[in-house]
Amino acid sequence: MKIQIINGPNLNLLGKREPEVYGSQTFEEYLDSLRRQFPEIQIEYFQSNIEGEIIDKIHEIGFSYDGILLNAGGYTHTSVAISDAIAGVTTPVLEVHISNIYKREEFRHKSIISKSCVGMVSGLGLKGYELAIRYFL
């Protein structure tokens, strides 16, 4: 089984950025623990602050992987193009958010990409990625 994790803008700052919201662990540290927890799954990771690179990655793997976990960061609320990319591929995409988007600013309550995803995990911290992987199992 092959799972692709795609993290969007500012998620490269995990471990440094707003630790009270996002925790103090880097994503790379967490990724190591995910790979140990699921040795039978090939877990790939991609992060970009650039919308077009995220779209390119979805196109690249969107017909050959078993699942995509997408935390589009701020693009969740603004990117029709990412939503269209998700709708255009056959690999199912599960939307993941570390924070509870419904406990944040009102503009974050609307996800443009949700309609193209199979589901959403929000507000469970990094544990949300583990639960999203379990969905694909």
N, C-alpha and C. Protein backbone atom coordinates (compact mmCIF):
# COMPACT_ATOMS: atom_id res chain seq x y z
N MET A 1 0.85 -1.18 0.00
CA MET A 1 0.00 0.00 0.00
C MET A 1 0.89 1.24 0.00
N LYS A 2 0.50 2.23 -0.81
CA LYS A 2 1.25 3.48 -0.91
C LYS A 2 0.35 4.66 -0.53
N ILE A 3 0.81 5.41 0.47
CA ILE A 3 0.10 6.60 0.94
C ILE A 3 1.02 7.81 0.76
N GLN A 4 0.47 8.88 0.21
CA GLN A 4 1.21 10.14 0.06
C GLN A 4 0.65 11.15 1.05
N ILE A 5 1.51 11.73 1.87
CA ILE A 5 1.12 12.86 2.72
C ILE A 5 1.59 14.12 2.02
N ILE A 6 0.67 15.06 1.86
CA ILE A 6 1.00 16.36 1.28
C ILE A 6 0.63 17.43 2.29
N ASN A 7 1.62 18.20 2.70
CA ASN A 7 1.39 19.33 3.60
C ASN A 7 1.63 20.62 2.84
N GLY A 8 0.76 21.58 3.07
CA GLY A 8 0.82 22.86 2.37
C GLY A 8 1.58 23.93 3.14
N PRO A 9 1.24 25.18 2.85
CA PRO A 9 2.01 26.32 3.34
C PRO A 9 2.14 26.39 4.85
N ASN A 10 3.33 26.76 5.25
CA ASN A 10 3.71 27.02 6.64
C ASN A 10 3.83 25.77 7.51
N LEU A 11 3.47 24.60 6.96
CA LEU A 11 3.59 23.39 7.76
C LEU A 11 5.03 22.91 7.86
N ASN A 12 5.92 23.51 7.09
CA ASN A 12 7.35 23.27 7.27
C ASN A 12 7.84 23.87 8.59
N LEU A 13 7.04 24.72 9.20
CA LEU A 13 7.42 25.37 10.46
C LEU A 13 6.91 24.63 11.70
N LEU A 14 6.32 23.45 11.50
CA LEU A 14 5.86 22.69 12.67
C LEU A 14 7.03 22.45 13.62
N GLY A 15 6.75 22.59 14.90
CA GLY A 15 7.79 22.48 15.92
C GLY A 15 8.30 23.84 16.35
N LYS A 16 8.10 24.84 15.49
CA LYS A 16 8.51 26.22 15.79
C LYS A 16 7.32 27.16 15.82
N ARG A 17 6.39 26.96 14.91
CA ARG A 17 5.25 27.86 14.72
C ARG A 17 4.15 27.57 15.73
N GLU A 18 3.75 28.56 16.48
CA GLU A 18 2.61 28.48 17.40
C GLU A 18 2.51 27.11 18.08
N PRO A 19 3.50 26.77 18.91
CA PRO A 19 3.47 25.44 19.54
C PRO A 19 2.23 25.18 20.38
N GLU A 20 1.58 26.23 20.87
CA GLU A 20 0.35 26.06 21.65
C GLU A 20 -0.79 25.54 20.76
N VAL A 21 -0.71 25.76 19.46
CA VAL A 21 -1.72 25.27 18.52
C VAL A 21 -1.25 23.98 17.83
N TYR A 22 0.02 23.98 17.39
CA TYR A 22 0.52 22.90 16.53
C TYR A 22 1.49 21.93 17.21
N GLY A 23 1.85 22.20 18.45
CA GLY A 23 2.76 21.31 19.17
C GLY A 23 4.22 21.67 18.91
N SER A 24 5.12 20.94 19.55
CA SER A 24 6.55 21.26 19.48
C SER A 24 7.35 20.25 18.65
N GLN A 25 6.68 19.29 18.06
CA GLN A 25 7.35 18.27 17.27
C GLN A 25 7.37 18.68 15.79
N THR A 26 8.50 18.46 15.13
CA THR A 26 8.56 18.72 13.69
C THR A 26 7.79 17.61 12.97
N PHE A 27 7.37 17.90 11.74
CA PHE A 27 6.65 16.86 11.02
C PHE A 27 7.57 15.71 10.67
N GLU A 28 8.82 16.00 10.39
CA GLU A 28 9.78 14.95 10.05
C GLU A 28 9.94 13.97 11.22
N GLU A 29 9.98 14.49 12.45
CA GLU A 29 10.05 13.62 13.64
C GLU A 29 8.80 12.74 13.72
N TYR A 30 7.65 13.37 13.51
CA TYR A 30 6.39 12.62 13.56
C TYR A 30 6.33 11.59 12.44
N LEU A 31 6.80 11.95 11.26
CA LEU A 31 6.79 11.05 10.11
C LEU A 31 7.58 9.77 10.40
N ASP A 32 8.72 9.92 11.06
CA ASP A 32 9.51 8.75 11.46
C ASP A 32 8.68 7.81 12.32
N SER A 33 7.93 8.36 13.27
CA SER A 33 7.12 7.51 14.14
C SER A 33 5.97 6.86 13.37
N LEU A 34 5.38 7.57 12.39
CA LEU A 34 4.33 6.98 11.57
C LEU A 34 4.87 5.80 10.76
N ARG A 35 6.05 5.98 10.19
CA ARG A 35 6.64 4.90 9.38
C ARG A 35 6.96 3.67 10.24
N ARG A 36 7.39 3.90 11.48
CA ARG A 36 7.63 2.77 12.40
C ARG A 36 6.32 2.09 12.78
N GLN A 37 5.28 2.87 12.94
CA GLN A 37 3.98 2.34 13.34
C GLN A 37 3.31 1.54 12.22
N PHE A 38 3.59 1.93 10.97
CA PHE A 38 2.97 1.27 9.81
C PHE A 38 4.05 0.78 8.84
N PRO A 39 4.87 -0.19 9.25
CA PRO A 39 5.98 -0.63 8.39
C PRO A 39 5.51 -1.29 7.09
N GLU A 40 4.27 -1.75 7.07
CA GLU A 40 3.75 -2.42 5.88
C GLU A 40 3.27 -1.43 4.81
N ILE A 41 3.26 -0.14 5.14
CA ILE A 41 2.78 0.89 4.21
C ILE A 41 3.95 1.75 3.77
N GLN A 42 4.02 2.00 2.49
CA GLN A 42 5.00 2.96 1.96
C GLN A 42 4.39 4.34 2.13
N ILE A 43 4.93 5.11 3.07
CA ILE A 43 4.43 6.46 3.35
C ILE A 43 5.41 7.47 2.77
N GLU A 44 4.95 8.22 1.78
CA GLU A 44 5.76 9.27 1.16
C GLU A 44 5.32 10.62 1.71
N TYR A 45 6.23 11.57 1.71
CA TYR A 45 5.93 12.89 2.26
C TYR A 45 6.38 13.98 1.30
N PHE A 46 5.52 14.98 1.14
CA PHE A 46 5.81 16.15 0.32
C PHE A 46 5.24 17.37 1.01
N GLN A 47 6.02 18.44 1.07
CA GLN A 47 5.55 19.71 1.63
C GLN A 47 5.94 20.82 0.67
N SER A 48 5.01 21.76 0.46
CA SER A 48 5.31 22.93 -0.35
C SER A 48 4.48 24.11 0.13
N ASN A 49 5.08 25.28 0.01
CA ASN A 49 4.37 26.53 0.28
C ASN A 49 3.76 27.09 -1.00
N ILE A 50 3.91 26.36 -2.11
CA ILE A 50 3.51 26.86 -3.42
C ILE A 50 2.32 26.05 -3.95
N GLU A 51 1.24 26.73 -4.22
CA GLU A 51 -0.01 26.08 -4.66
C GLU A 51 0.20 25.19 -5.89
N GLY A 52 0.89 25.68 -6.89
CA GLY A 52 1.10 24.91 -8.12
C GLY A 52 1.88 23.64 -7.90
N GLU A 53 2.84 23.66 -6.98
CA GLU A 53 3.61 22.45 -6.68
C GLU A 53 2.72 21.39 -6.00
N ILE A 54 1.80 21.84 -5.18
CA ILE A 54 0.85 20.91 -4.54
C ILE A 54 -0.03 20.27 -5.61
N ILE A 55 -0.53 21.08 -6.53
CA ILE A 55 -1.35 20.57 -7.63
C ILE A 55 -0.55 19.59 -8.47
N ASP A 56 0.69 19.93 -8.81
CA ASP A 56 1.54 19.04 -9.60
C ASP A 56 1.73 17.70 -8.89
N LYS A 57 1.92 17.71 -7.59
CA LYS A 57 2.11 16.46 -6.84
C LYS A 57 0.83 15.62 -6.87
N ILE A 58 -0.32 16.26 -6.70
CA ILE A 58 -1.59 15.53 -6.78
C ILE A 58 -1.73 14.88 -8.15
N HIS A 59 -1.42 15.61 -9.21
CA HIS A 59 -1.49 15.06 -10.57
C HIS A 59 -0.51 13.91 -10.74
N GLU A 60 0.69 14.06 -10.21
CA GLU A 60 1.76 13.06 -10.38
C GLU A 60 1.38 11.71 -9.79
N ILE A 61 0.78 11.71 -8.60
CA ILE A 61 0.54 10.44 -7.91
C ILE A 61 -0.95 10.07 -7.83
N GLY A 62 -1.80 10.92 -8.37
CA GLY A 62 -3.24 10.77 -8.20
C GLY A 62 -3.92 9.66 -8.95
N PHE A 63 -3.14 8.84 -9.67
CA PHE A 63 -3.72 7.70 -10.37
C PHE A 63 -3.02 6.40 -9.98
N SER A 64 -2.04 6.49 -9.08
CA SER A 64 -1.23 5.30 -8.79
C SER A 64 -1.09 4.98 -7.30
N TYR A 65 -1.46 5.89 -6.42
CA TYR A 65 -1.34 5.64 -4.98
C TYR A 65 -2.68 5.17 -4.43
N ASP A 66 -2.63 4.58 -3.25
CA ASP A 66 -3.85 4.08 -2.61
C ASP A 66 -4.58 5.16 -1.83
N GLY A 67 -3.88 6.21 -1.45
CA GLY A 67 -4.51 7.29 -0.72
C GLY A 67 -3.59 8.48 -0.59
N ILE A 68 -4.21 9.64 -0.44
CA ILE A 68 -3.48 10.90 -0.20
C ILE A 68 -4.06 11.52 1.06
N LEU A 69 -3.18 11.90 1.98
CA LEU A 69 -3.57 12.71 3.13
C LEU A 69 -3.13 14.12 2.80
N LEU A 70 -4.07 15.04 2.74
CA LEU A 70 -3.76 16.41 2.34
C LEU A 70 -4.11 17.39 3.44
N ASN A 71 -3.09 18.08 3.93
CA ASN A 71 -3.29 19.24 4.79
C ASN A 71 -2.88 20.43 3.95
N ALA A 72 -3.85 21.06 3.34
CA ALA A 72 -3.58 22.16 2.41
C ALA A 72 -3.31 23.48 3.12
N GLY A 73 -3.27 23.47 4.45
CA GLY A 73 -3.01 24.70 5.18
C GLY A 73 -4.00 25.78 4.77
N GLY A 74 -3.49 27.00 4.61
CA GLY A 74 -4.34 28.13 4.24
C GLY A 74 -5.03 27.97 2.90
N TYR A 75 -4.47 27.14 2.01
CA TYR A 75 -5.11 26.91 0.71
C TYR A 75 -6.44 26.18 0.84
N THR A 76 -6.66 25.54 1.97
CA THR A 76 -7.93 24.87 2.24
C THR A 76 -9.10 25.81 2.00
N HIS A 77 -8.91 27.06 2.37
CA HIS A 77 -10.00 28.03 2.38
C HIS A 77 -10.02 28.92 1.14
N THR A 78 -9.05 28.73 0.24
CA THR A 78 -8.94 29.65 -0.89
C THR A 78 -8.75 29.00 -2.25
N SER A 79 -8.36 27.73 -2.32
CA SER A 79 -7.88 27.18 -3.59
C SER A 79 -8.90 26.32 -4.31
N VAL A 80 -9.58 26.94 -5.26
CA VAL A 80 -10.45 26.20 -6.17
C VAL A 80 -9.59 25.27 -7.02
N ALA A 81 -8.38 25.71 -7.36
CA ALA A 81 -7.49 24.92 -8.21
C ALA A 81 -7.08 23.60 -7.53
N ILE A 82 -6.78 23.63 -6.24
CA ILE A 82 -6.45 22.38 -5.54
C ILE A 82 -7.68 21.48 -5.46
N SER A 83 -8.84 22.05 -5.21
CA SER A 83 -10.08 21.27 -5.19
C SER A 83 -10.31 20.60 -6.54
N ASP A 84 -10.09 21.34 -7.62
CA ASP A 84 -10.25 20.77 -8.97
C ASP A 84 -9.24 19.66 -9.23
N ALA A 85 -8.02 19.82 -8.74
CA ALA A 85 -6.99 18.78 -8.91
C ALA A 85 -7.41 17.50 -8.20
N ILE A 86 -7.95 17.63 -7.00
CA ILE A 86 -8.42 16.46 -6.24
C ILE A 86 -9.55 15.77 -7.00
N ALA A 87 -10.48 16.57 -7.52
CA ALA A 87 -11.62 16.01 -8.25
C ALA A 87 -11.18 15.33 -9.55
N GLY A 88 -10.04 15.73 -10.07
CA GLY A 88 -9.58 15.21 -11.35
C GLY A 88 -8.79 13.92 -11.29
N VAL A 89 -8.49 13.43 -10.09
CA VAL A 89 -7.70 12.20 -9.97
C VAL A 89 -8.56 11.08 -9.38
N THR A 90 -8.06 9.86 -9.48
CA THR A 90 -8.82 8.72 -8.96
C THR A 90 -8.40 8.28 -7.57
N THR A 91 -7.20 8.66 -7.14
CA THR A 91 -6.75 8.32 -5.78
C THR A 91 -7.59 9.10 -4.78
N PRO A 92 -8.18 8.43 -3.79
CA PRO A 92 -8.97 9.15 -2.79
C PRO A 92 -8.08 10.03 -1.92
N VAL A 93 -8.61 11.21 -1.61
CA VAL A 93 -7.91 12.20 -0.80
C VAL A 93 -8.68 12.42 0.49
N LEU A 94 -7.97 12.33 1.61
CA LEU A 94 -8.56 12.60 2.91
C LEU A 94 -7.94 13.89 3.44
N GLU A 95 -8.79 14.86 3.75
CA GLU A 95 -8.36 16.16 4.24
C GLU A 95 -7.99 16.06 5.73
N VAL A 96 -6.83 16.60 6.09
CA VAL A 96 -6.35 16.55 7.47
C VAL A 96 -6.01 17.97 7.93
N HIS A 97 -6.40 18.28 9.16
CA HIS A 97 -6.02 19.54 9.80
C HIS A 97 -5.57 19.24 11.22
N ILE A 98 -4.46 19.81 11.61
CA ILE A 98 -3.92 19.61 12.95
C ILE A 98 -4.80 20.31 13.98
N SER A 99 -5.15 21.55 13.69
CA SER A 99 -6.02 22.30 14.60
C SER A 99 -7.48 22.08 14.21
N ASN A 100 -8.37 22.42 15.12
CA ASN A 100 -9.80 22.35 14.83
C ASN A 100 -10.17 23.62 14.09
N ILE A 101 -10.39 23.50 12.79
CA ILE A 101 -10.63 24.70 11.97
C ILE A 101 -11.92 25.42 12.40
N TYR A 102 -12.81 24.72 13.09
CA TYR A 102 -14.07 25.34 13.52
C TYR A 102 -13.95 26.09 14.85
N LYS A 103 -12.77 25.99 15.49
CA LYS A 103 -12.52 26.75 16.72
C LYS A 103 -11.62 27.96 16.43
N ARG A 104 -11.37 28.21 15.15
CA ARG A 104 -10.48 29.29 14.75
C ARG A 104 -11.28 30.42 14.10
N GLU A 105 -10.60 31.29 13.42
CA GLU A 105 -11.27 32.42 12.78
C GLU A 105 -12.36 31.92 11.84
N GLU A 106 -13.41 32.71 11.69
CA GLU A 106 -14.56 32.28 10.91
C GLU A 106 -14.21 31.94 9.46
N PHE A 107 -13.28 32.66 8.85
CA PHE A 107 -12.93 32.36 7.46
C PHE A 107 -12.36 30.96 7.31
N ARG A 108 -11.83 30.38 8.39
CA ARG A 108 -11.27 29.02 8.34
C ARG A 108 -12.36 27.94 8.46
N HIS A 109 -13.58 28.32 8.74
CA HIS A 109 -14.66 27.35 8.89
C HIS A 109 -15.11 26.77 7.56
N LYS A 110 -14.77 27.42 6.47
CA LYS A 110 -15.18 26.97 5.12
C LYS A 110 -13.99 26.34 4.42
N SER A 111 -14.13 25.07 4.07
CA SER A 111 -13.11 24.37 3.30
C SER A 111 -13.58 24.25 1.86
N ILE A 112 -12.82 24.81 0.96
CA ILE A 112 -13.15 24.70 -0.47
C ILE A 112 -12.83 23.30 -0.99
N ILE A 113 -11.85 22.63 -0.38
CA ILE A 113 -11.43 21.32 -0.89
C ILE A 113 -12.28 20.15 -0.38
N SER A 114 -13.05 20.35 0.68
CA SER A 114 -13.81 19.24 1.30
C SER A 114 -14.72 18.52 0.33
N LYS A 115 -15.35 19.25 -0.56
CA LYS A 115 -16.31 18.62 -1.47
C LYS A 115 -15.66 17.59 -2.39
N SER A 116 -14.34 17.71 -2.57
CA SER A 116 -13.63 16.78 -3.45
C SER A 116 -12.93 15.66 -2.67
N CYS A 117 -13.00 15.70 -1.36
CA CYS A 117 -12.31 14.72 -0.51
C CYS A 117 -13.29 13.66 0.00
N VAL A 118 -12.75 12.51 0.39
CA VAL A 118 -13.59 11.44 0.93
C VAL A 118 -14.00 11.70 2.38
N GLY A 119 -13.28 12.58 3.06
CA GLY A 119 -13.59 12.91 4.44
C GLY A 119 -12.58 13.89 5.00
N MET A 120 -12.73 14.20 6.29
CA MET A 120 -11.86 15.17 6.95
C MET A 120 -11.60 14.74 8.39
N VAL A 121 -10.35 14.92 8.81
CA VAL A 121 -9.97 14.78 10.22
C VAL A 121 -9.46 16.15 10.63
N SER A 122 -10.03 16.70 11.71
CA SER A 122 -9.67 18.05 12.12
C SER A 122 -9.62 18.15 13.63
N GLY A 123 -8.57 18.80 14.14
CA GLY A 123 -8.53 19.15 15.54
C GLY A 123 -7.93 18.11 16.47
N LEU A 124 -7.33 17.06 15.94
CA LEU A 124 -6.78 16.01 16.78
C LEU A 124 -5.26 16.04 16.82
N GLY A 125 -4.69 17.16 16.44
CA GLY A 125 -3.24 17.29 16.43
C GLY A 125 -2.63 16.39 15.36
N LEU A 126 -1.36 16.06 15.53
CA LEU A 126 -0.69 15.20 14.57
C LEU A 126 -1.31 13.80 14.52
N LYS A 127 -1.98 13.40 15.59
CA LYS A 127 -2.66 12.10 15.64
C LYS A 127 -3.64 11.94 14.48
N GLY A 128 -4.13 13.05 13.95
CA GLY A 128 -5.06 13.00 12.82
C GLY A 128 -4.49 12.30 11.60
N TYR A 129 -3.17 12.42 11.40
CA TYR A 129 -2.54 11.73 10.27
C TYR A 129 -2.60 10.21 10.47
N GLU A 130 -2.33 9.77 11.68
CA GLU A 130 -2.41 8.34 11.97
C GLU A 130 -3.82 7.82 11.73
N LEU A 131 -4.81 8.55 12.20
CA LEU A 131 -6.20 8.12 12.03
C LEU A 131 -6.59 8.11 10.56
N ALA A 132 -6.07 9.06 9.79
CA ALA A 132 -6.33 9.10 8.36
C ALA A 132 -5.72 7.89 7.66
N ILE A 133 -4.52 7.51 8.06
CA ILE A 133 -3.89 6.30 7.48
C ILE A 133 -4.75 5.09 7.81
N ARG A 134 -5.24 5.01 9.03
CA ARG A 134 -6.08 3.87 9.43
C ARG A 134 -7.34 3.78 8.58
N TYR A 135 -7.86 4.91 8.14
CA TYR A 135 -9.03 4.90 7.25
C TYR A 135 -8.72 4.08 5.99
N PHE A 136 -7.53 4.29 5.44
CA PHE A 136 -7.17 3.60 4.20
C PHE A 136 -6.86 2.12 4.42
N LEU A 137 -6.59 1.74 5.65
CA LEU A 137 -6.39 0.31 5.94
C LEU A 137 -7.73 -0.42 5.93
